[in-house]
N, C-alpha and C. Protein backbone atom coordinates (compact mmCIF):
# COMPACT_ATOMS: atom_id res chain seq x y z
N MET A 1 19.25 6.64 40.90
CA MET A 1 18.42 6.28 39.76
C MET A 1 17.77 7.52 39.18
N SER A 2 17.43 7.44 37.90
CA SER A 2 16.83 8.60 37.24
C SER A 2 15.31 8.58 37.39
N ASP A 3 14.73 9.74 37.21
CA ASP A 3 13.28 9.88 37.30
C ASP A 3 12.63 9.36 36.01
N GLN A 4 11.60 8.56 36.10
CA GLN A 4 10.96 7.94 34.94
C GLN A 4 9.88 8.81 34.31
N THR A 5 9.57 9.97 34.88
CA THR A 5 8.49 10.78 34.33
C THR A 5 8.83 11.35 32.98
N GLY A 6 10.10 11.63 32.71
CA GLY A 6 10.52 12.20 31.44
C GLY A 6 10.91 11.14 30.41
N ALA A 7 10.66 9.88 30.70
CA ALA A 7 11.06 8.81 29.79
C ALA A 7 10.23 8.85 28.51
N ALA A 8 10.87 8.52 27.42
CA ALA A 8 10.18 8.49 26.12
C ALA A 8 9.20 7.33 26.09
N PRO A 9 8.06 7.51 25.44
CA PRO A 9 7.10 6.40 25.34
C PRO A 9 7.67 5.27 24.48
N THR A 10 7.28 4.07 24.80
CA THR A 10 7.75 2.93 24.02
C THR A 10 7.07 2.93 22.66
N PRO A 11 7.76 2.48 21.63
CA PRO A 11 7.12 2.44 20.31
C PRO A 11 6.00 1.42 20.29
N ARG A 12 4.95 1.74 19.54
CA ARG A 12 3.82 0.83 19.51
C ARG A 12 4.07 -0.28 18.48
N ILE A 13 3.43 -1.37 18.70
CA ILE A 13 3.56 -2.52 17.80
C ILE A 13 2.72 -2.26 16.57
N ARG A 14 3.27 -2.48 15.41
CA ARG A 14 2.57 -2.28 14.14
C ARG A 14 1.82 -3.56 13.78
N TRP A 15 0.62 -3.69 14.33
CA TRP A 15 -0.17 -4.91 14.14
C TRP A 15 -0.60 -5.10 12.69
N GLY A 16 -0.83 -4.02 11.98
CA GLY A 16 -1.20 -4.14 10.57
C GLY A 16 -0.11 -4.83 9.77
N ALA A 17 1.13 -4.45 10.02
CA ALA A 17 2.26 -5.08 9.33
C ALA A 17 2.39 -6.54 9.72
N ILE A 18 2.13 -6.85 10.97
CA ILE A 18 2.20 -8.24 11.42
C ILE A 18 1.12 -9.08 10.75
N ILE A 19 -0.11 -8.55 10.70
CA ILE A 19 -1.21 -9.30 10.08
C ILE A 19 -0.94 -9.51 8.59
N TRP A 20 -0.55 -8.45 7.87
CA TRP A 20 -0.26 -8.60 6.45
C TRP A 20 0.93 -9.53 6.22
N GLY A 21 1.91 -9.49 7.11
CA GLY A 21 3.05 -10.40 7.00
C GLY A 21 2.62 -11.86 7.14
N ILE A 22 1.70 -12.12 8.05
CA ILE A 22 1.19 -13.49 8.21
C ILE A 22 0.41 -13.92 6.98
N VAL A 23 -0.37 -13.01 6.41
CA VAL A 23 -1.13 -13.33 5.19
C VAL A 23 -0.17 -13.67 4.04
N PHE A 24 0.85 -12.82 3.84
CA PHE A 24 1.80 -13.08 2.76
C PHE A 24 2.61 -14.34 3.02
N LEU A 25 2.92 -14.63 4.27
CA LEU A 25 3.61 -15.87 4.60
C LEU A 25 2.75 -17.08 4.24
N ALA A 26 1.46 -17.02 4.55
CA ALA A 26 0.56 -18.13 4.23
C ALA A 26 0.46 -18.33 2.71
N ILE A 27 0.37 -17.23 1.97
CA ILE A 27 0.32 -17.33 0.51
C ILE A 27 1.61 -17.93 -0.03
N ALA A 28 2.75 -17.49 0.50
CA ALA A 28 4.03 -18.01 0.04
C ALA A 28 4.18 -19.49 0.36
N LEU A 29 3.75 -19.91 1.54
CA LEU A 29 3.83 -21.33 1.90
C LEU A 29 2.92 -22.17 1.01
N TRP A 30 1.73 -21.64 0.71
CA TRP A 30 0.81 -22.36 -0.18
C TRP A 30 1.44 -22.51 -1.57
N ALA A 31 2.00 -21.43 -2.10
CA ALA A 31 2.63 -21.48 -3.42
C ALA A 31 3.83 -22.41 -3.42
N LEU A 32 4.62 -22.39 -2.35
CA LEU A 32 5.78 -23.27 -2.25
C LEU A 32 5.35 -24.73 -2.22
N SER A 33 4.26 -25.02 -1.52
CA SER A 33 3.78 -26.41 -1.47
C SER A 33 3.33 -26.89 -2.85
N ILE A 34 2.83 -25.98 -3.67
CA ILE A 34 2.43 -26.36 -5.03
C ILE A 34 3.66 -26.58 -5.90
N VAL A 35 4.65 -25.72 -5.77
CA VAL A 35 5.84 -25.81 -6.61
C VAL A 35 6.66 -27.06 -6.28
N ILE A 36 6.72 -27.42 -5.02
CA ILE A 36 7.56 -28.55 -4.60
C ILE A 36 6.97 -29.89 -5.05
N ASP A 37 5.68 -30.07 -4.95
CA ASP A 37 5.04 -31.36 -5.20
C ASP A 37 4.59 -31.46 -6.66
N PRO A 38 5.15 -32.40 -7.44
CA PRO A 38 4.74 -32.53 -8.84
C PRO A 38 3.27 -32.92 -9.02
N VAL A 39 2.73 -33.70 -8.11
CA VAL A 39 1.32 -34.10 -8.19
C VAL A 39 0.43 -32.86 -8.06
N ARG A 40 0.75 -32.00 -7.12
CA ARG A 40 -0.04 -30.78 -6.94
C ARG A 40 0.08 -29.86 -8.16
N ARG A 41 1.27 -29.79 -8.74
CA ARG A 41 1.43 -28.96 -9.94
C ARG A 41 0.51 -29.45 -11.05
N ASP A 42 0.45 -30.76 -11.22
CA ASP A 42 -0.43 -31.33 -12.25
C ASP A 42 -1.90 -31.05 -11.93
N GLN A 43 -2.26 -31.14 -10.65
CA GLN A 43 -3.65 -30.86 -10.25
C GLN A 43 -4.01 -29.39 -10.52
N ILE A 44 -3.09 -28.48 -10.22
CA ILE A 44 -3.35 -27.06 -10.45
C ILE A 44 -3.42 -26.78 -11.96
N ALA A 45 -2.55 -27.41 -12.73
CA ALA A 45 -2.59 -27.22 -14.19
C ALA A 45 -3.91 -27.72 -14.76
N GLU A 46 -4.39 -28.85 -14.26
CA GLU A 46 -5.68 -29.38 -14.71
C GLU A 46 -6.83 -28.46 -14.29
N LEU A 47 -6.74 -27.92 -13.08
CA LEU A 47 -7.76 -27.00 -12.60
C LEU A 47 -7.81 -25.75 -13.48
N TYR A 48 -6.66 -25.19 -13.83
CA TYR A 48 -6.62 -24.01 -14.70
C TYR A 48 -7.16 -24.32 -16.09
N ALA A 49 -6.90 -25.51 -16.59
CA ALA A 49 -7.37 -25.89 -17.93
C ALA A 49 -8.90 -25.99 -17.96
N LYS A 50 -9.49 -26.38 -16.85
CA LYS A 50 -10.94 -26.55 -16.79
C LYS A 50 -11.68 -25.28 -16.36
N THR A 51 -10.95 -24.23 -16.01
CA THR A 51 -11.58 -23.01 -15.50
C THR A 51 -12.29 -22.26 -16.61
N THR A 52 -13.53 -21.88 -16.34
CA THR A 52 -14.30 -21.08 -17.28
C THR A 52 -14.16 -19.60 -16.91
N PRO A 53 -14.51 -18.70 -17.80
CA PRO A 53 -14.44 -17.27 -17.45
C PRO A 53 -15.32 -16.92 -16.24
N PHE A 54 -16.47 -17.55 -16.12
CA PHE A 54 -17.33 -17.29 -14.97
C PHE A 54 -16.65 -17.73 -13.68
N THR A 55 -16.03 -18.91 -13.69
CA THR A 55 -15.33 -19.40 -12.51
C THR A 55 -14.17 -18.48 -12.14
N ALA A 56 -13.43 -18.01 -13.15
CA ALA A 56 -12.32 -17.09 -12.90
C ALA A 56 -12.82 -15.79 -12.28
N ALA A 57 -13.95 -15.30 -12.78
CA ALA A 57 -14.52 -14.06 -12.23
C ALA A 57 -14.95 -14.27 -10.77
N MET A 58 -15.56 -15.42 -10.48
CA MET A 58 -15.99 -15.70 -9.11
C MET A 58 -14.78 -15.83 -8.17
N TRP A 59 -13.71 -16.48 -8.63
CA TRP A 59 -12.51 -16.58 -7.81
C TRP A 59 -11.90 -15.20 -7.58
N SER A 60 -11.93 -14.35 -8.59
CA SER A 60 -11.40 -12.99 -8.45
C SER A 60 -12.20 -12.21 -7.41
N ILE A 61 -13.51 -12.32 -7.47
CA ILE A 61 -14.36 -11.64 -6.50
C ILE A 61 -14.10 -12.17 -5.09
N LEU A 62 -13.90 -13.47 -4.98
CA LEU A 62 -13.62 -14.08 -3.68
C LEU A 62 -12.29 -13.57 -3.12
N VAL A 63 -11.27 -13.49 -3.97
CA VAL A 63 -9.96 -13.01 -3.51
C VAL A 63 -10.03 -11.54 -3.11
N ILE A 64 -10.70 -10.72 -3.90
CA ILE A 64 -10.85 -9.31 -3.57
C ILE A 64 -11.62 -9.15 -2.25
N GLY A 65 -12.65 -9.94 -2.06
CA GLY A 65 -13.40 -9.90 -0.80
C GLY A 65 -12.55 -10.31 0.39
N GLY A 66 -11.72 -11.32 0.19
CA GLY A 66 -10.81 -11.75 1.26
C GLY A 66 -9.81 -10.66 1.63
N LEU A 67 -9.27 -9.99 0.61
CA LEU A 67 -8.33 -8.89 0.88
C LEU A 67 -9.02 -7.73 1.58
N MET A 68 -10.26 -7.46 1.20
CA MET A 68 -11.03 -6.40 1.88
C MET A 68 -11.31 -6.79 3.34
N LEU A 69 -11.58 -8.04 3.58
CA LEU A 69 -11.81 -8.52 4.93
C LEU A 69 -10.56 -8.34 5.79
N ILE A 70 -9.42 -8.70 5.24
CA ILE A 70 -8.16 -8.54 5.97
C ILE A 70 -7.88 -7.05 6.21
N GLY A 71 -8.13 -6.22 5.20
CA GLY A 71 -7.95 -4.78 5.37
C GLY A 71 -8.85 -4.21 6.46
N GLY A 72 -10.08 -4.68 6.53
CA GLY A 72 -10.99 -4.26 7.59
C GLY A 72 -10.52 -4.71 8.95
N LEU A 73 -10.00 -5.92 9.02
CA LEU A 73 -9.47 -6.43 10.29
C LEU A 73 -8.29 -5.58 10.75
N VAL A 74 -7.41 -5.24 9.82
CA VAL A 74 -6.26 -4.40 10.15
C VAL A 74 -6.73 -3.02 10.63
N ALA A 75 -7.75 -2.46 9.98
CA ALA A 75 -8.28 -1.16 10.40
C ALA A 75 -8.88 -1.23 11.80
N LEU A 76 -9.57 -2.32 12.11
CA LEU A 76 -10.13 -2.46 13.47
C LEU A 76 -9.03 -2.56 14.52
N VAL A 77 -7.99 -3.32 14.21
CA VAL A 77 -6.87 -3.44 15.15
C VAL A 77 -6.19 -2.09 15.34
N ARG A 78 -6.01 -1.36 14.26
CA ARG A 78 -5.38 -0.04 14.34
C ARG A 78 -6.22 0.92 15.17
N ARG A 79 -7.52 0.91 14.96
CA ARG A 79 -8.42 1.79 15.73
C ARG A 79 -8.37 1.45 17.21
N ARG A 80 -8.38 0.17 17.50
CA ARG A 80 -8.31 -0.28 18.90
C ARG A 80 -6.99 0.15 19.52
N GLN A 81 -5.91 0.02 18.78
CA GLN A 81 -4.60 0.39 19.29
C GLN A 81 -4.51 1.89 19.57
N ARG A 82 -5.06 2.69 18.67
CA ARG A 82 -5.06 4.14 18.88
C ARG A 82 -5.93 4.52 20.07
N GLY A 83 -7.06 3.85 20.23
CA GLY A 83 -7.92 4.13 21.38
C GLY A 83 -7.22 3.81 22.69
N LEU A 84 -6.52 2.68 22.74
CA LEU A 84 -5.79 2.32 23.95
C LEU A 84 -4.67 3.31 24.22
N ALA A 85 -3.97 3.75 23.16
CA ALA A 85 -2.89 4.72 23.34
C ALA A 85 -3.44 6.05 23.85
N ALA A 86 -4.59 6.47 23.34
CA ALA A 86 -5.19 7.73 23.79
C ALA A 86 -5.61 7.64 25.25
N ARG A 87 -6.21 6.52 25.64
CA ARG A 87 -6.61 6.35 27.02
C ARG A 87 -5.40 6.29 27.95
N ARG A 88 -4.37 5.57 27.50
CA ARG A 88 -3.16 5.45 28.31
C ARG A 88 -2.50 6.81 28.50
N SER A 89 -2.45 7.60 27.43
CA SER A 89 -1.81 8.92 27.54
C SER A 89 -2.67 9.88 28.34
N ALA A 90 -3.99 9.74 28.27
CA ALA A 90 -4.87 10.60 29.06
C ALA A 90 -4.66 10.33 30.55
N LEU A 91 -4.45 9.07 30.89
CA LEU A 91 -4.19 8.74 32.29
C LEU A 91 -2.84 9.28 32.74
N ALA A 92 -1.88 9.30 31.82
CA ALA A 92 -0.54 9.78 32.17
C ALA A 92 -0.41 11.28 32.00
N GLY A 93 -1.39 11.93 31.36
CA GLY A 93 -1.34 13.36 31.15
C GLY A 93 -0.44 13.78 30.01
N VAL A 94 -0.25 12.88 29.04
CA VAL A 94 0.62 13.15 27.89
C VAL A 94 -0.25 13.27 26.65
N GLU A 95 0.08 14.22 25.78
CA GLU A 95 -0.67 14.40 24.54
C GLU A 95 -0.22 13.36 23.52
N VAL A 96 -1.18 12.74 22.82
CA VAL A 96 -0.88 11.76 21.79
C VAL A 96 -0.65 12.47 20.48
N VAL A 97 0.44 12.11 19.81
CA VAL A 97 0.74 12.67 18.51
C VAL A 97 0.29 11.67 17.46
N ASP A 98 -0.59 12.10 16.57
CA ASP A 98 -1.08 11.24 15.51
C ASP A 98 0.00 11.12 14.45
N ASP A 99 0.43 9.90 14.15
CA ASP A 99 1.55 9.72 13.22
C ASP A 99 1.11 9.29 11.82
N THR A 100 -0.14 9.54 11.47
CA THR A 100 -0.55 9.22 10.12
C THR A 100 0.03 10.24 9.16
N VAL A 101 0.18 9.86 7.91
CA VAL A 101 0.86 10.70 6.93
C VAL A 101 0.20 12.06 6.79
N GLY A 102 -1.09 12.15 6.78
CA GLY A 102 -1.77 13.42 6.59
C GLY A 102 -1.66 14.37 7.75
N ASN A 103 -1.29 13.87 8.94
CA ASN A 103 -1.28 14.73 10.12
C ASN A 103 0.11 15.01 10.67
N ILE A 104 1.14 14.66 9.94
CA ILE A 104 2.50 14.92 10.42
C ILE A 104 2.86 16.37 10.12
N GLU A 105 3.38 17.03 11.12
CA GLU A 105 3.83 18.40 10.91
C GLU A 105 5.13 18.38 10.13
N LYS A 106 5.26 19.31 9.23
CA LYS A 106 6.48 19.37 8.43
C LYS A 106 7.54 20.12 9.23
N PRO A 107 8.76 19.58 9.31
CA PRO A 107 9.80 20.22 10.10
C PRO A 107 10.15 21.62 9.58
N HIS A 108 10.06 21.87 8.27
CA HIS A 108 10.43 23.17 7.74
C HIS A 108 9.43 24.25 8.11
N ASP A 109 8.21 23.89 8.51
CA ASP A 109 7.23 24.90 8.93
C ASP A 109 7.71 25.64 10.17
N THR A 110 8.27 24.90 11.13
CA THR A 110 8.74 25.53 12.34
C THR A 110 9.98 26.38 12.06
N LEU A 111 10.80 25.97 11.11
CA LEU A 111 11.99 26.74 10.78
C LEU A 111 11.62 28.07 10.13
N THR A 112 10.65 28.06 9.25
CA THR A 112 10.26 29.31 8.61
C THR A 112 9.60 30.26 9.59
N GLU A 113 8.87 29.73 10.56
CA GLU A 113 8.28 30.58 11.59
C GLU A 113 9.36 31.23 12.45
N ASP A 114 10.40 30.46 12.79
CA ASP A 114 11.50 31.01 13.57
C ASP A 114 12.26 32.09 12.82
N VAL A 115 12.46 31.88 11.52
CA VAL A 115 13.17 32.87 10.71
C VAL A 115 12.37 34.15 10.63
N GLY A 116 11.05 34.04 10.47
CA GLY A 116 10.20 35.20 10.39
C GLY A 116 10.19 36.00 11.69
N ARG A 117 10.32 35.33 12.81
CA ARG A 117 10.30 36.01 14.10
C ARG A 117 11.59 36.78 14.36
N SER A 118 12.69 36.27 13.82
CA SER A 118 13.98 36.90 14.11
C SER A 118 14.17 38.21 13.35
N GLU A 119 13.39 38.45 12.31
CA GLU A 119 13.56 39.67 11.52
C GLU A 119 12.88 40.85 12.13
C-alpha cells in the first residue's frame, strides 16, 4: 500500500453555491406553480393591478433585504469553512492556500523569475 502522507487534500464543498442553488430552485418552483395554475395567474395579475408605487417600493426593499440576508449567510458559512480548513491543516502541518481571486498567484510570475535567474 502507498503512504497517505503525500495524498492531495480533498476538494472542499462549495456551500455558497449550494445555498444559492437552493434559493434559485425555490424561486423557480414558485414561478412554475404560478405559471401552471390559471387561478394563481389571475390572482397575481389582480395583485399587480392593485399595486401602488409605495407597495412596489416596499416589496423591492424586502427582496433586496432578503438577498442581503442570504449573502450574509453564505459569507458566514464560507468563513466557518475556511476556519475549519485552517485548523485542520494546522493539525496536519500543511499550509492552506487561499483560493480567492485576489490572492491567487499568477503562473507567469514564476516563469519570469526562472527566466531571469538563468541569464
